[in-house]
Every structure is written in structure tokens, then in C-alpha cells.
C-alpha atoms as a PDB file:
ATOM      1  CA  MET A   1    -141.173 -24.832 137.037  1.00  0.00           C
ATOM      2  CA  ARG A   2    -138.032 -23.993 138.952  1.00  0.00           C
ATOM      3  CA  PHE A   3    -135.269 -21.790 137.577  1.00  0.00           C
ATOM      4  CA  ILE A   4    -132.137 -23.601 136.370  1.00  0.00           C
ATOM      5  CA  ASN A   5    -129.086 -21.440 135.659  1.00  0.00           C
ATOM      6  CA  ILE A   6    -127.202 -22.916 132.702  1.00  0.00           C
ATOM      7  CA  ILE A   7    -124.927 -19.953 131.919  1.00  0.00           C
ATOM      8  CA  GLY A   8    -121.312 -21.137 131.671  1.00  0.00           C
ATOM      9  CA  LYS A   9    -122.243 -24.831 131.427  1.00  0.00           C
ATOM     10  CA  ARG A  10    -121.377 -27.121 128.527  1.00  0.00           C
ATOM     11  CA  PHE A  11    -123.839 -29.194 126.542  1.00  0.00           C
ATOM     12  CA  GLY A  12    -122.070 -31.283 123.929  1.00  0.00           C
ATOM     13  CA  ARG A  13    -119.857 -28.852 122.025  1.00  0.00           C
ATOM     14  CA  LEU A  14    -121.747 -25.746 123.178  1.00  0.00           C
ATOM     15  CA  THR A  15    -120.825 -23.437 126.056  1.00  0.00           C
ATOM     16  CA  VAL A  16    -123.843 -21.434 127.194  1.00  0.00           C
ATOM     17  CA  GLY A  17    -123.610 -17.664 127.347  1.00  0.00           C
ATOM     18  CA  ASN A  18    -126.083 -14.956 128.282  1.00  0.00           C
ATOM     19  CA  LEU A  19    -129.818 -15.081 127.731  1.00  0.00           C
ATOM     20  CA  SER A  20    -130.614 -13.912 124.210  1.00  0.00           C
ATOM     21  CA  HIS A  21    -134.393 -13.596 124.432  1.00  0.00           C
ATOM     22  CA  GLU A  22    -137.511 -15.214 125.801  1.00  0.00           C
ATOM     23  CA  ARG A  23    -140.616 -16.258 123.943  1.00  0.00           C
ATOM     24  CA  VAL A  24    -144.020 -16.434 125.637  1.00  0.00           C
ATOM     25  CA  PHE A  25    -146.759 -18.494 124.039  1.00  0.00           C
ATOM     26  CA  SER A  26    -150.482 -17.771 124.253  1.00  0.00           C
ATOM     27  CA  CYS A  27    -150.899 -20.687 126.668  1.00  0.00           C
ATOM     28  CA  GLY A  28    -148.487 -18.960 129.084  1.00  0.00           C
ATOM     29  CA  GLN A  29    -145.584 -21.335 128.454  1.00  0.00           C
ATOM     30  CA  ARG A  30    -142.145 -19.747 128.053  1.00  0.00           C
ATOM     31  CA  ASP A  31    -139.058 -20.671 126.074  1.00  0.00           C
ATOM     32  CA  GLN A  32    -135.694 -19.116 126.890  1.00  0.00           C
ATOM     33  CA  TYR A  33    -132.981 -18.813 124.255  1.00  0.00           C
ATOM     34  CA  HIS A  34    -129.269 -18.464 125.003  1.00  0.00           C
ATOM     35  CA  LYS A  35    -126.265 -17.390 122.955  1.00  0.00           C
ATOM     36  CA  CYS A  36    -123.922 -20.374 122.851  1.00  0.00           C
ATOM     37  CA  GLN A  37    -120.321 -20.667 121.661  1.00  0.00           C
ATOM     38  CA  CYS A  38    -119.542 -23.868 119.768  1.00  0.00           C
ATOM     39  CA  ASP A  39    -116.096 -25.467 120.004  1.00  0.00           C
ATOM     40  CA  CYS A  40    -115.629 -24.714 116.279  1.00  0.00           C
ATOM     41  CA  GLY A  41    -116.082 -20.976 116.982  1.00  0.00           C
ATOM     42  CA  VAL A  42    -119.619 -20.424 115.712  1.00  0.00           C
ATOM     43  CA  ILE A  43    -122.168 -18.539 117.850  1.00  0.00           C
ATOM     44  CA  LYS A  44    -125.571 -20.255 117.950  1.00  0.00           C
ATOM     45  CA  ILE A  45    -128.839 -19.227 119.576  1.00  0.00           C
ATOM     46  CA  ALA A  46    -130.330 -22.311 121.230  1.00  0.00           C
ATOM     47  CA  ALA A  47    -133.484 -23.001 123.214  1.00  0.00           C
ATOM     48  CA  LYS A  48    -132.794 -23.827 126.852  1.00  0.00           C
ATOM     49  CA  LYS A  49    -135.107 -26.849 126.796  1.00  0.00           C
ATOM     50  CA  ASN A  50    -133.261 -28.282 123.762  1.00  0.00           C
ATOM     51  CA  LEU A  51    -129.912 -27.903 125.533  1.00  0.00           C
ATOM     52  CA  LEU A  52    -131.213 -29.565 128.705  1.00  0.00           C
ATOM     53  CA  THR A  53    -132.762 -32.500 126.835  1.00  0.00           C
ATOM     54  CA  GLY A  54    -129.740 -33.044 124.554  1.00  0.00           C
ATOM     55  CA  ILE A  55    -131.559 -32.190 121.322  1.00  0.00           C
ATOM     56  CA  THR A  56    -129.049 -29.398 120.577  1.00  0.00           C
ATOM     57  CA  GLN A  57    -125.379 -30.309 121.101  1.00  0.00           C
ATOM     58  CA  SER A  58    -123.533 -28.202 118.517  1.00  0.00           C
ATOM     59  CA  CYS A  59    -123.990 -25.497 115.885  1.00  0.00           C
ATOM     60  CA  GLY A  60    -124.460 -28.207 113.250  1.00  0.00           C
ATOM     61  CA  CYS A  61    -120.789 -29.090 112.873  1.00  0.00           C
ATOM     62  CA  LEU A  62    -121.301 -32.379 114.743  1.00  0.00           C
ATOM     63  CA  ARG A  63    -123.880 -33.542 112.190  1.00  0.00           C
ATOM     64  CA  ARG A  64    -121.732 -32.429 109.242  1.00  0.00           C
ATOM     65  CA  GLU A  65    -118.731 -34.315 110.648  1.00  0.00           C
ATOM     66  CA  SER A  66    -120.685 -37.491 111.361  1.00  0.00           C
ATOM     67  CA  THR A  67    -122.231 -37.580 107.873  1.00  0.00           C
ATOM     68  CA  SER A  68    -118.881 -36.974 106.174  1.00  0.00           C
ATOM     69  CA  ASN A  69    -117.267 -39.731 108.257  1.00  0.00           C
ATOM     70  CA  THR A  70    -119.892 -42.240 107.133  1.00  0.00           C
ATOM     71  CA  GLY A  71    -119.584 -41.254 103.488  1.00  0.00           C
ATOM     72  CA  ARG A  72    -123.124 -39.908 103.304  1.00  0.00           C
ATOM     73  CA  GLY A  73    -122.191 -36.257 102.786  1.00  0.00           C
ATOM     74  CA  ASN A  74    -122.633 -34.558  99.395  1.00  0.00           C
ATOM     75  CA  LEU A  75    -124.787 -37.268  97.806  1.00  0.00           C
END
């Protein structure tokens, strides 16, 4: 797998900062985690693969806003 530098790039509402930590699984596979700054001001640790695939796009504020806009919040 080739190295992709994502520091300083934006994914949804998140701007990627420095590498937080790396996790190595018993099978030898690695996951990298980055500190990300959300547009709402919250700092979130996110897995690099989730940022690249679009699974993680915000600190959770995007989901809260979309559920409150559809009237499904606080049921």
C-alpha cells in the first residue's frame, strides 16, 4: 500500500491535522488515526481509511443537524 499524505486536506467538515497514533493488528494490517478539526470547532480523532472512503465527514454535528432538520431528533 502506498503512502498518502492527508495532513491539511479537507474531508467533509473535517480538516486533517497531525497523526495521532497508529494501530497494528495481528494480521499485520495498520490503521492510522489523525487529529481532525471540525468546522464547528470540535477536535475528533478519525481513522485515515474512514476519511478517505467518506465514512467520517464530521465530528457528529452533521448527523445531529440532518436529524433535527427532518424532525427526527429527540423522539
